[in-house]
Amino acid sequence: MDDDFEWQPPSEAEMKIIQARRERSDKISKLMGDYMLKGYKMLGICCPECSTILLQDKHGVNYCVACMELDTDTDKDDPVLSQAAARSQIREGTALDEVDTEGLSFLTRLSDTSLGASAALPERTSHDATTTLTSASNASKSNQYNLNLNFTDSLDALSAKILWATNELQKSNSVEYSIQLCQLIKSSADAIQSIKTII
């Protein structure tokens, strides 16, 4: 088996980023649930800025919970929201710990795999890793196009589930059924966000 694709547990810096993303996703889901209980509708479209599913108030105004309530001007420096900031923090963490000196970080390897990079990656410096990511991205545009086509059906199915669950939630008088519908909406929204990070 090729050493470059052998699984390694995420480093401490990567775990912090993963945990922060999970917490952010939970906050967004909680806020969306609160707004839906206030009468907002969940739409089948996502915010063009942050890919969070949009809500719509009773007056037909679209509302993005993440952009309006969570995100700030310093987001470009936040490793949860910015891939560049995440890579920088991981590089700093691995340089301090002197860990994982022979390759790309866990998140970068994951990105390479999702982009369809199939060639083995030799030992690199951080500058070489950036160059490799750029060339792998350019070389695999046709693979990424096919990947996008494969995920389109999944996104459509998830969006349809969200719309169905939203309509059911508006009709429901049962607290238990409403909770189950909210969980379905949250899970579907999380799945859409995960797919969008891969694409």
N, C-alpha and C. Protein backbone atom coordinates (compact mmCIF):
# COMPACT_ATOMS: atom_id res chain seq x y z
N MET A 1 0.84 -1.19 0.00
CA MET A 1 0.00 0.00 0.00
C MET A 1 0.88 1.24 0.00
N ASP A 2 0.47 2.26 -0.69
CA ASP A 2 1.24 3.49 -0.82
C ASP A 2 1.22 4.27 0.49
N ASP A 3 2.39 4.71 0.95
CA ASP A 3 2.49 5.43 2.23
C ASP A 3 1.77 6.77 2.21
N ASP A 4 1.67 7.41 1.03
CA ASP A 4 1.05 8.72 0.97
C ASP A 4 -0.45 8.68 1.24
N PHE A 5 -1.08 7.55 1.00
CA PHE A 5 -2.52 7.46 1.19
C PHE A 5 -2.87 6.62 2.42
N GLU A 6 -1.88 6.29 3.23
CA GLU A 6 -2.14 5.55 4.45
C GLU A 6 -2.79 6.48 5.46
N TRP A 7 -3.85 6.01 6.11
CA TRP A 7 -4.58 6.86 7.04
C TRP A 7 -3.74 7.15 8.26
N GLN A 8 -3.78 8.42 8.66
CA GLN A 8 -3.14 8.84 9.89
C GLN A 8 -4.14 9.67 10.66
N PRO A 9 -4.18 9.53 11.96
CA PRO A 9 -5.14 10.34 12.73
C PRO A 9 -4.82 11.82 12.59
N PRO A 10 -5.84 12.66 12.67
CA PRO A 10 -5.60 14.09 12.56
C PRO A 10 -4.75 14.59 13.72
N SER A 11 -3.96 15.63 13.45
CA SER A 11 -3.13 16.21 14.49
C SER A 11 -4.00 17.01 15.46
N GLU A 12 -3.39 17.52 16.50
CA GLU A 12 -4.14 18.29 17.49
C GLU A 12 -4.73 19.56 16.86
N ALA A 13 -3.96 20.22 15.99
CA ALA A 13 -4.45 21.43 15.32
C ALA A 13 -5.63 21.10 14.41
N GLU A 14 -5.53 19.98 13.70
CA GLU A 14 -6.63 19.57 12.82
C GLU A 14 -7.87 19.21 13.62
N MET A 15 -7.69 18.57 14.78
CA MET A 15 -8.83 18.22 15.62
C MET A 15 -9.53 19.47 16.15
N LYS A 16 -8.75 20.51 16.46
CA LYS A 16 -9.35 21.77 16.91
C LYS A 16 -10.20 22.38 15.81
N ILE A 17 -9.71 22.32 14.57
CA ILE A 17 -10.46 22.87 13.44
C ILE A 17 -11.73 22.07 13.21
N ILE A 18 -11.61 20.75 13.25
CA ILE A 18 -12.79 19.88 13.06
C ILE A 18 -13.83 20.16 14.15
N GLN A 19 -13.37 20.27 15.40
CA GLN A 19 -14.29 20.53 16.51
C GLN A 19 -14.94 21.90 16.36
N ALA A 20 -14.18 22.92 15.95
CA ALA A 20 -14.74 24.26 15.78
C ALA A 20 -15.78 24.27 14.66
N ARG A 21 -15.52 23.53 13.58
CA ARG A 21 -16.49 23.44 12.49
C ARG A 21 -17.77 22.75 12.96
N ARG A 22 -17.61 21.71 13.75
CA ARG A 22 -18.77 20.99 14.27
C ARG A 22 -19.60 21.92 15.16
N GLU A 23 -18.91 22.69 16.03
CA GLU A 23 -19.63 23.61 16.91
C GLU A 23 -20.34 24.68 16.11
N ARG A 24 -19.70 25.20 15.06
CA ARG A 24 -20.33 26.22 14.21
C ARG A 24 -21.56 25.64 13.52
N SER A 25 -21.45 24.42 13.02
CA SER A 25 -22.58 23.77 12.37
C SER A 25 -23.74 23.57 13.35
N ASP A 26 -23.42 23.19 14.58
CA ASP A 26 -24.46 23.02 15.60
C ASP A 26 -25.15 24.34 15.92
N LYS A 27 -24.36 25.44 16.00
CA LYS A 27 -24.96 26.75 16.27
C LYS A 27 -25.90 27.15 15.14
N ILE A 28 -25.45 26.93 13.90
CA ILE A 28 -26.29 27.27 12.74
C ILE A 28 -27.57 26.46 12.78
N SER A 29 -27.47 25.16 13.06
CA SER A 29 -28.66 24.31 13.12
C SER A 29 -29.62 24.75 14.21
N LYS A 30 -29.08 25.12 15.37
CA LYS A 30 -29.94 25.57 16.47
C LYS A 30 -30.64 26.87 16.09
N LEU A 31 -29.90 27.81 15.52
CA LEU A 31 -30.51 29.08 15.12
C LEU A 31 -31.57 28.86 14.05
N MET A 32 -31.29 27.99 13.09
CA MET A 32 -32.26 27.71 12.04
C MET A 32 -33.53 27.10 12.64
N GLY A 33 -33.38 26.20 13.58
CA GLY A 33 -34.54 25.60 14.24
C GLY A 33 -35.36 26.64 14.98
N ASP A 34 -34.66 27.56 15.67
CA ASP A 34 -35.36 28.64 16.38
C ASP A 34 -36.16 29.51 15.41
N TYR A 35 -35.54 29.87 14.29
CA TYR A 35 -36.23 30.70 13.31
C TYR A 35 -37.42 29.97 12.68
N MET A 36 -37.25 28.67 12.45
CA MET A 36 -38.35 27.92 11.85
C MET A 36 -39.53 27.83 12.82
N LEU A 37 -39.24 27.75 14.10
CA LEU A 37 -40.32 27.75 15.08
C LEU A 37 -41.02 29.12 15.14
N LYS A 38 -40.31 30.16 14.71
CA LYS A 38 -40.90 31.51 14.67
C LYS A 38 -41.69 31.74 13.38
N GLY A 39 -41.69 30.75 12.47
CA GLY A 39 -42.48 30.88 11.26
C GLY A 39 -41.68 31.05 9.98
N TYR A 40 -40.36 31.04 10.08
CA TYR A 40 -39.53 31.14 8.88
C TYR A 40 -39.64 29.82 8.10
N LYS A 41 -39.48 29.90 6.78
CA LYS A 41 -39.49 28.70 5.94
C LYS A 41 -38.05 28.40 5.50
N MET A 42 -37.71 27.13 5.45
CA MET A 42 -36.41 26.73 4.93
C MET A 42 -36.55 26.57 3.42
N LEU A 43 -35.64 27.18 2.68
CA LEU A 43 -35.68 27.13 1.23
C LEU A 43 -34.80 25.99 0.71
N GLY A 44 -34.98 25.67 -0.53
CA GLY A 44 -34.16 24.63 -1.16
C GLY A 44 -32.93 25.19 -1.82
N ILE A 45 -32.52 26.39 -1.42
CA ILE A 45 -31.32 27.02 -2.00
C ILE A 45 -30.37 27.40 -0.89
N CYS A 46 -29.11 27.57 -1.26
CA CYS A 46 -28.08 27.90 -0.29
C CYS A 46 -27.57 29.32 -0.51
N CYS A 47 -27.00 29.87 0.53
CA CYS A 47 -26.40 31.19 0.48
C CYS A 47 -25.18 31.14 -0.45
N PRO A 48 -25.06 32.07 -1.39
CA PRO A 48 -23.91 32.06 -2.29
C PRO A 48 -22.60 32.39 -1.58
N GLU A 49 -22.66 33.01 -0.42
CA GLU A 49 -21.44 33.39 0.30
C GLU A 49 -20.86 32.26 1.14
N CYS A 50 -21.76 31.55 1.88
CA CYS A 50 -21.25 30.57 2.84
C CYS A 50 -21.83 29.17 2.68
N SER A 51 -22.73 28.99 1.71
CA SER A 51 -23.35 27.69 1.42
C SER A 51 -24.28 27.18 2.52
N THR A 52 -24.73 28.05 3.40
CA THR A 52 -25.72 27.67 4.40
C THR A 52 -27.10 27.75 3.75
N ILE A 53 -27.98 26.84 4.12
CA ILE A 53 -29.33 26.85 3.56
C ILE A 53 -30.05 28.12 4.02
N LEU A 54 -30.72 28.76 3.07
CA LEU A 54 -31.41 30.02 3.36
C LEU A 54 -32.78 29.78 3.98
N LEU A 55 -33.19 30.73 4.80
CA LEU A 55 -34.53 30.76 5.37
C LEU A 55 -35.28 31.93 4.73
N GLN A 56 -36.60 31.91 4.83
CA GLN A 56 -37.40 33.00 4.30
C GLN A 56 -38.44 33.39 5.34
N ASP A 57 -38.55 34.70 5.61
CA ASP A 57 -39.53 35.14 6.60
C ASP A 57 -40.92 35.22 5.99
N LYS A 58 -41.88 35.63 6.78
CA LYS A 58 -43.27 35.67 6.32
C LYS A 58 -43.50 36.70 5.23
N HIS A 59 -42.57 37.64 5.10
CA HIS A 59 -42.68 38.69 4.08
C HIS A 59 -41.95 38.31 2.79
N GLY A 60 -41.38 37.13 2.74
CA GLY A 60 -40.69 36.65 1.54
C GLY A 60 -39.24 37.10 1.43
N VAL A 61 -38.66 37.60 2.52
CA VAL A 61 -37.27 38.06 2.52
C VAL A 61 -36.36 36.89 2.89
N ASN A 62 -35.37 36.61 2.05
CA ASN A 62 -34.42 35.53 2.32
C ASN A 62 -33.46 35.94 3.44
N TYR A 63 -33.08 34.98 4.26
CA TYR A 63 -32.25 35.26 5.42
C TYR A 63 -31.23 34.14 5.61
N CYS A 64 -29.96 34.51 5.72
CA CYS A 64 -28.90 33.54 5.98
C CYS A 64 -28.46 33.68 7.44
N VAL A 65 -28.71 32.66 8.21
CA VAL A 65 -28.38 32.68 9.64
C VAL A 65 -26.88 32.84 9.85
N ALA A 66 -26.08 32.12 9.08
CA ALA A 66 -24.63 32.15 9.27
C ALA A 66 -24.06 33.53 8.96
N CYS A 67 -24.43 34.09 7.81
CA CYS A 67 -23.89 35.39 7.41
C CYS A 67 -24.37 36.51 8.33
N MET A 68 -25.63 36.45 8.74
CA MET A 68 -26.20 37.55 9.51
C MET A 68 -25.90 37.48 11.00
N GLU A 69 -25.69 36.29 11.54
CA GLU A 69 -25.55 36.19 12.99
C GLU A 69 -24.23 35.61 13.48
N LEU A 70 -23.54 34.83 12.65
CA LEU A 70 -22.31 34.19 13.13
C LEU A 70 -21.04 34.78 12.52
N ASP A 71 -21.08 35.10 11.24
CA ASP A 71 -19.87 35.50 10.54
C ASP A 71 -19.57 36.98 10.75
N THR A 72 -18.26 37.30 10.75
CA THR A 72 -17.80 38.68 10.95
C THR A 72 -16.73 39.01 9.93
N ASP A 73 -16.16 40.22 10.02
CA ASP A 73 -15.10 40.63 9.06
C ASP A 73 -13.82 39.84 9.24
N THR A 74 -13.61 39.25 10.40
CA THR A 74 -12.36 38.54 10.64
C THR A 74 -12.43 37.08 10.18
N ASP A 75 -13.47 36.74 9.42
CA ASP A 75 -13.64 35.34 9.00
C ASP A 75 -12.50 34.83 8.14
N LYS A 76 -11.85 35.71 7.40
CA LYS A 76 -10.74 35.25 6.55
C LYS A 76 -9.59 34.70 7.38
N ASP A 77 -9.51 35.09 8.67
CA ASP A 77 -8.46 34.60 9.55
C ASP A 77 -8.94 33.44 10.42
N ASP A 78 -10.21 33.06 10.28
CA ASP A 78 -10.78 31.99 11.09
C ASP A 78 -10.58 30.65 10.39
N PRO A 79 -9.85 29.71 11.01
CA PRO A 79 -9.59 28.43 10.36
C PRO A 79 -10.85 27.59 10.13
N VAL A 80 -11.92 27.89 10.85
CA VAL A 80 -13.17 27.16 10.64
C VAL A 80 -13.79 27.53 9.30
N LEU A 81 -13.65 28.79 8.91
CA LEU A 81 -14.32 29.29 7.72
C LEU A 81 -13.41 29.41 6.51
N SER A 82 -12.13 29.57 6.73
CA SER A 82 -11.20 29.81 5.63
C SER A 82 -10.21 28.65 5.49
N GLN A 83 -10.18 28.04 4.30
CA GLN A 83 -9.24 26.93 4.07
C GLN A 83 -7.80 27.41 4.21
N ALA A 84 -7.51 28.62 3.73
CA ALA A 84 -6.14 29.14 3.81
C ALA A 84 -5.72 29.31 5.26
N ALA A 85 -6.61 29.85 6.09
CA ALA A 85 -6.29 30.01 7.51
C ALA A 85 -6.14 28.65 8.19
N ALA A 86 -6.95 27.68 7.79
CA ALA A 86 -6.85 26.34 8.36
C ALA A 86 -5.50 25.71 8.02
N ARG A 87 -5.11 25.82 6.74
CA ARG A 87 -3.82 25.26 6.34
C ARG A 87 -2.67 25.94 7.08
N SER A 88 -2.77 27.26 7.25
CA SER A 88 -1.73 28.01 7.95
C SER A 88 -1.63 27.55 9.40
N GLN A 89 -2.77 27.39 10.07
CA GLN A 89 -2.76 26.95 11.46
C GLN A 89 -2.19 25.54 11.58
N ILE A 90 -2.55 24.68 10.65
CA ILE A 90 -2.04 23.30 10.69
C ILE A 90 -0.53 23.30 10.48
N ARG A 91 -0.05 24.11 9.53
CA ARG A 91 1.39 24.19 9.29
C ARG A 91 2.12 24.68 10.53
N GLU A 92 1.56 25.71 11.19
CA GLU A 92 2.17 26.22 12.41
C GLU A 92 2.20 25.16 13.50
N GLY A 93 1.07 24.44 13.64
CA GLY A 93 0.99 23.40 14.66
C GLY A 93 1.97 22.27 14.39
N THR A 94 2.08 21.86 13.12
CA THR A 94 2.99 20.75 12.82
C THR A 94 4.44 21.21 12.90
N ALA A 95 4.71 22.47 12.63
CA ALA A 95 6.08 22.96 12.75
C ALA A 95 6.48 23.00 14.22
N LEU A 96 5.55 23.41 15.08
CA LEU A 96 5.87 23.47 16.50
C LEU A 96 6.03 22.08 17.10
N ASP A 97 5.19 21.16 16.70
CA ASP A 97 5.24 19.80 17.25
C ASP A 97 6.25 18.92 16.54
N GLU A 98 6.79 19.38 15.42
CA GLU A 98 7.67 18.60 14.56
C GLU A 98 7.04 17.24 14.23
N VAL A 99 5.75 17.30 13.85
CA VAL A 99 4.99 16.10 13.52
C VAL A 99 4.60 16.19 12.07
N ASP A 100 4.51 15.04 11.38
CA ASP A 100 4.05 14.98 9.99
C ASP A 100 4.93 15.79 9.07
N THR A 101 6.26 15.59 9.15
CA THR A 101 7.17 16.36 8.32
C THR A 101 7.33 15.77 6.94
N GLU A 102 6.72 14.62 6.67
CA GLU A 102 6.94 13.99 5.39
C GLU A 102 5.72 13.99 4.48
N GLY A 103 4.96 15.02 4.47
CA GLY A 103 3.86 15.04 3.52
C GLY A 103 2.87 16.13 3.79
N LEU A 104 1.78 16.02 3.13
CA LEU A 104 0.71 16.99 3.28
C LEU A 104 -0.08 16.68 4.53
N SER A 105 -0.76 17.66 5.05
CA SER A 105 -1.56 17.46 6.25
C SER A 105 -2.77 16.60 5.95
N PHE A 106 -3.45 16.16 6.99
CA PHE A 106 -4.65 15.34 6.87
C PHE A 106 -5.69 16.01 5.97
N LEU A 107 -5.97 17.28 6.21
CA LEU A 107 -6.98 17.97 5.43
C LEU A 107 -6.56 18.15 3.97
N THR A 108 -5.29 18.41 3.72
CA THR A 108 -4.82 18.58 2.35
C THR A 108 -4.88 17.25 1.61
N ARG A 109 -4.51 16.15 2.29
CA ARG A 109 -4.61 14.83 1.66
C ARG A 109 -6.06 14.53 1.33
N LEU A 110 -6.96 14.88 2.24
CA LEU A 110 -8.38 14.67 2.01
C LEU A 110 -8.85 15.47 0.81
N SER A 111 -8.38 16.70 0.67
CA SER A 111 -8.74 17.54 -0.48
C SER A 111 -8.21 16.93 -1.77
N ASP A 112 -6.96 16.45 -1.76
CA ASP A 112 -6.38 15.82 -2.95
C ASP A 112 -7.21 14.62 -3.37
N THR A 113 -7.62 13.81 -2.41
CA THR A 113 -8.41 12.62 -2.72
C THR A 113 -9.74 13.03 -3.33
N SER A 114 -10.39 14.03 -2.78
CA SER A 114 -11.69 14.44 -3.29
C SER A 114 -11.58 15.10 -4.66
N LEU A 115 -10.43 15.67 -4.98
CA LEU A 115 -10.25 16.27 -6.30
C LEU A 115 -9.91 15.23 -7.35
N GLY A 116 -9.67 14.02 -6.93
CA GLY A 116 -9.40 12.95 -7.88
C GLY A 116 -7.92 12.79 -8.18
N ALA A 117 -7.06 13.30 -7.34
CA ALA A 117 -5.63 13.14 -7.58
C ALA A 117 -5.27 11.69 -7.28
N SER A 118 -4.75 10.98 -8.29
CA SER A 118 -4.50 9.57 -8.08
C SER A 118 -3.01 9.24 -8.07
N ALA A 119 -2.18 10.19 -8.41
CA ALA A 119 -0.75 9.93 -8.44
C ALA A 119 -0.19 10.00 -7.02
N ALA A 120 0.84 9.19 -6.74
CA ALA A 120 1.48 9.22 -5.44
C ALA A 120 2.19 10.55 -5.27
N LEU A 121 2.16 11.08 -4.05
CA LEU A 121 2.75 12.37 -3.79
C LEU A 121 4.03 12.18 -3.00
N PRO A 122 5.18 12.59 -3.53
CA PRO A 122 6.43 12.45 -2.80
C PRO A 122 6.53 13.49 -1.68
N GLU A 123 7.61 13.38 -0.89
CA GLU A 123 7.83 14.32 0.21
C GLU A 123 7.93 15.73 -0.33
N ARG A 124 7.32 16.69 0.41
CA ARG A 124 7.26 18.07 -0.09
C ARG A 124 7.46 19.08 1.02
N THR A 125 7.78 20.29 0.61
CA THR A 125 7.75 21.43 1.52
C THR A 125 6.39 22.06 1.41
N SER A 126 6.07 23.02 2.27
CA SER A 126 4.75 23.65 2.22
C SER A 126 4.56 24.41 0.92
N HIS A 127 5.63 24.99 0.34
CA HIS A 127 5.52 25.69 -0.94
C HIS A 127 5.20 24.70 -2.06
N ASP A 128 5.85 23.54 -2.03
CA ASP A 128 5.57 22.50 -3.04
C ASP A 128 4.15 21.99 -2.91
N ALA A 129 3.65 21.90 -1.68
CA ALA A 129 2.29 21.41 -1.48
C ALA A 129 1.27 22.35 -2.12
N THR A 130 1.48 23.66 -1.99
CA THR A 130 0.58 24.62 -2.61
C THR A 130 0.64 24.50 -4.12
N THR A 131 1.84 24.35 -4.68
CA THR A 131 1.99 24.19 -6.12
C THR A 131 1.31 22.91 -6.59
N THR A 132 1.46 21.83 -5.83
CA THR A 132 0.85 20.56 -6.19
C THR A 132 -0.66 20.65 -6.16
N LEU A 133 -1.21 21.32 -5.15
CA LEU A 133 -2.66 21.48 -5.09
C LEU A 133 -3.18 22.22 -6.30
N THR A 134 -2.46 23.26 -6.73
CA THR A 134 -2.88 24.04 -7.90
C THR A 134 -2.81 23.18 -9.15
N SER A 135 -1.71 22.46 -9.36
CA SER A 135 -1.58 21.64 -10.57
C SER A 135 -2.55 20.46 -10.54
N ALA A 136 -2.78 19.88 -9.36
CA ALA A 136 -3.74 18.78 -9.28
C ALA A 136 -5.14 19.27 -9.59
N SER A 137 -5.44 20.47 -9.14
CA SER A 137 -6.76 21.05 -9.43
C SER A 137 -6.94 21.28 -10.92
N ASN A 138 -5.91 21.82 -11.58
CA ASN A 138 -5.99 22.06 -13.02
C ASN A 138 -6.06 20.75 -13.80
N ALA A 139 -5.29 19.77 -13.38
CA ALA A 139 -5.22 18.51 -14.12
C ALA A 139 -6.47 17.67 -13.97
N SER A 140 -7.21 17.91 -12.91
CA SER A 140 -8.36 17.04 -12.66
C SER A 140 -9.69 17.73 -12.86
N LYS A 141 -9.74 18.77 -13.67
CA LYS A 141 -11.01 19.47 -13.90
C LYS A 141 -12.06 18.55 -14.49
N SER A 142 -11.64 17.66 -15.40
CA SER A 142 -12.63 16.74 -15.97
C SER A 142 -13.11 15.76 -14.91
N ASN A 143 -12.21 15.29 -14.04
CA ASN A 143 -12.62 14.42 -12.94
C ASN A 143 -13.56 15.14 -11.99
N GLN A 144 -13.26 16.41 -11.72
CA GLN A 144 -14.10 17.19 -10.82
C GLN A 144 -15.47 17.42 -11.46
N TYR A 145 -15.51 17.62 -12.77
CA TYR A 145 -16.78 17.79 -13.47
C TYR A 145 -17.64 16.54 -13.29
N ASN A 146 -17.02 15.36 -13.46
CA ASN A 146 -17.74 14.11 -13.26
C ASN A 146 -18.19 13.97 -11.82
N LEU A 147 -17.34 14.37 -10.88
CA LEU A 147 -17.67 14.33 -9.47
C LEU A 147 -18.87 15.23 -9.19
N ASN A 148 -18.87 16.42 -9.78
CA ASN A 148 -20.00 17.35 -9.60
C ASN A 148 -21.29 16.74 -10.12
N LEU A 149 -21.22 16.06 -11.27
CA LEU A 149 -22.42 15.43 -11.82
C LEU A 149 -22.94 14.35 -10.90
N ASN A 150 -22.02 13.57 -10.30
CA ASN A 150 -22.43 12.50 -9.39
C ASN A 150 -23.11 13.05 -8.14
N PHE A 151 -22.65 14.21 -7.66
CA PHE A 151 -23.23 14.77 -6.44
C PHE A 151 -24.49 15.59 -6.71
N THR A 152 -24.75 15.96 -7.95
CA THR A 152 -25.94 16.74 -8.26
C THR A 152 -27.20 15.99 -7.85
N ASP A 153 -27.26 14.70 -8.16
CA ASP A 153 -28.42 13.90 -7.78
C ASP A 153 -28.59 13.85 -6.26
N SER A 154 -27.47 13.72 -5.56
CA SER A 154 -27.53 13.69 -4.10
C SER A 154 -28.04 15.01 -3.54
N LEU A 155 -27.53 16.11 -4.08
CA LEU A 155 -27.97 17.43 -3.62
C LEU A 155 -29.46 17.64 -3.90
N ASP A 156 -29.90 17.20 -5.09
CA ASP A 156 -31.32 17.34 -5.44
C ASP A 156 -32.20 16.53 -4.48
N ALA A 157 -31.77 15.30 -4.19
CA ALA A 157 -32.55 14.44 -3.29
C ALA A 157 -32.61 15.04 -1.88
N LEU A 158 -31.47 15.55 -1.40
CA LEU A 158 -31.44 16.14 -0.07
C LEU A 158 -32.30 17.41 -0.01
N SER A 159 -32.22 18.22 -1.05
CA SER A 159 -33.05 19.44 -1.09
C SER A 159 -34.53 19.09 -1.11
N ALA A 160 -34.88 18.04 -1.85
CA ALA A 160 -36.29 17.61 -1.89
C ALA A 160 -36.74 17.14 -0.51
N LYS A 161 -35.87 16.42 0.20
CA LYS A 161 -36.20 15.97 1.56
C LYS A 161 -36.41 17.16 2.49
N ILE A 162 -35.57 18.17 2.36
CA ILE A 162 -35.70 19.35 3.21
C ILE A 162 -37.02 20.06 2.93
N LEU A 163 -37.36 20.22 1.66
CA LEU A 163 -38.62 20.87 1.30
C LEU A 163 -39.82 20.07 1.83
N TRP A 164 -39.76 18.75 1.65
CA TRP A 164 -40.84 17.90 2.14
C TRP A 164 -40.98 18.03 3.66
N ALA A 165 -39.85 17.94 4.36
CA ALA A 165 -39.88 18.00 5.83
C ALA A 165 -40.36 19.37 6.30
N THR A 166 -39.98 20.42 5.59
CA THR A 166 -40.43 21.77 5.95
C THR A 166 -41.95 21.89 5.81
N ASN A 167 -42.48 21.37 4.71
CA ASN A 167 -43.94 21.39 4.51
C ASN A 167 -44.65 20.58 5.59
N GLU A 168 -44.10 19.41 5.91
CA GLU A 168 -44.69 18.58 6.96
C GLU A 168 -44.63 19.28 8.32
N LEU A 169 -43.51 19.98 8.56
CA LEU A 169 -43.34 20.68 9.83
C LEU A 169 -44.39 21.78 10.00
N GLN A 170 -44.71 22.45 8.91
CA GLN A 170 -45.73 23.50 8.97
C GLN A 170 -47.12 22.93 9.29
N LYS A 171 -47.39 21.70 8.85
CA LYS A 171 -48.69 21.07 9.08
C LYS A 171 -48.78 20.36 10.43
N SER A 172 -47.64 20.01 10.97
CA SER A 172 -47.59 19.14 12.15
C SER A 172 -48.07 19.84 13.42
N ASN A 173 -48.84 19.09 14.22
CA ASN A 173 -49.26 19.55 15.55
C ASN A 173 -48.59 18.72 16.64
N SER A 174 -47.90 17.66 16.23
CA SER A 174 -47.24 16.77 17.19
C SER A 174 -45.82 17.27 17.48
N VAL A 175 -45.51 17.40 18.75
CA VAL A 175 -44.18 17.86 19.15
C VAL A 175 -43.12 16.82 18.76
N GLU A 176 -43.40 15.54 19.01
CA GLU A 176 -42.43 14.49 18.68
C GLU A 176 -42.16 14.43 17.18
N TYR A 177 -43.22 14.50 16.39
CA TYR A 177 -43.06 14.45 14.93
C TYR A 177 -42.29 15.68 14.45
N SER A 178 -42.56 16.83 15.05
CA SER A 178 -41.85 18.06 14.69
C SER A 178 -40.36 17.94 15.00
N ILE A 179 -40.05 17.34 16.13
CA ILE A 179 -38.64 17.14 16.51
C ILE A 179 -37.96 16.23 15.49
N GLN A 180 -38.62 15.15 15.10
CA GLN A 180 -38.05 14.23 14.10
C GLN A 180 -37.84 14.95 12.77
N LEU A 181 -38.79 15.78 12.39
CA LEU A 181 -38.66 16.53 11.13
C LEU A 181 -37.48 17.51 11.21
N CYS A 182 -37.34 18.18 12.34
CA CYS A 182 -36.21 19.11 12.52
C CYS A 182 -34.88 18.36 12.45
N GLN A 183 -34.83 17.17 13.02
CA GLN A 183 -33.60 16.37 12.96
C GLN A 183 -33.30 15.95 11.51
N LEU A 184 -34.36 15.60 10.76
CA LEU A 184 -34.18 15.25 9.35
C LEU A 184 -33.66 16.45 8.57
N ILE A 185 -34.23 17.62 8.83
CA ILE A 185 -33.80 18.84 8.15
C ILE A 185 -32.34 19.15 8.49
N LYS A 186 -31.98 19.03 9.77
CA LYS A 186 -30.61 19.30 10.19
C LYS A 186 -29.64 18.33 9.53
N SER A 187 -29.97 17.05 9.55
CA SER A 187 -29.10 16.04 8.95
C SER A 187 -28.94 16.27 7.45
N SER A 188 -30.03 16.60 6.79
CA SER A 188 -29.97 16.85 5.35
C SER A 188 -29.15 18.10 5.04
N ALA A 189 -29.33 19.14 5.85
CA ALA A 189 -28.57 20.37 5.67
C ALA A 189 -27.08 20.12 5.89
N ASP A 190 -26.74 19.35 6.93
CA ASP A 190 -25.34 19.01 7.18
C ASP A 190 -24.76 18.20 6.02
N ALA A 191 -25.55 17.28 5.48
CA ALA A 191 -25.08 16.48 4.35
C ALA A 191 -24.83 17.36 3.12
N ILE A 192 -25.72 18.32 2.89
CA ILE A 192 -25.53 19.24 1.75
C ILE A 192 -24.24 20.02 1.94
N GLN A 193 -24.00 20.53 3.15
CA GLN A 193 -22.78 21.29 3.40
C GLN A 193 -21.54 20.41 3.21
N SER A 194 -21.61 19.17 3.65
CA SER A 194 -20.47 18.25 3.47
C SER A 194 -20.19 18.00 2.00
N ILE A 195 -21.24 17.79 1.23
CA ILE A 195 -21.07 17.56 -0.21
C ILE A 195 -20.48 18.79 -0.87
N LYS A 196 -20.94 19.97 -0.47
CA LYS A 196 -20.43 21.20 -1.08
C LYS A 196 -18.96 21.42 -0.77
N THR A 197 -18.49 20.95 0.39
CA THR A 197 -17.06 21.10 0.69
C THR A 197 -16.24 20.16 -0.17
N ILE A 198 -16.81 19.03 -0.56
CA ILE A 198 -16.11 18.09 -1.43
C ILE A 198 -16.05 18.61 -2.85
N ILE A 199 -17.16 19.18 -3.31
CA ILE A 199 -17.23 19.70 -4.67
C ILE A 199 -16.40 20.94 -4.72
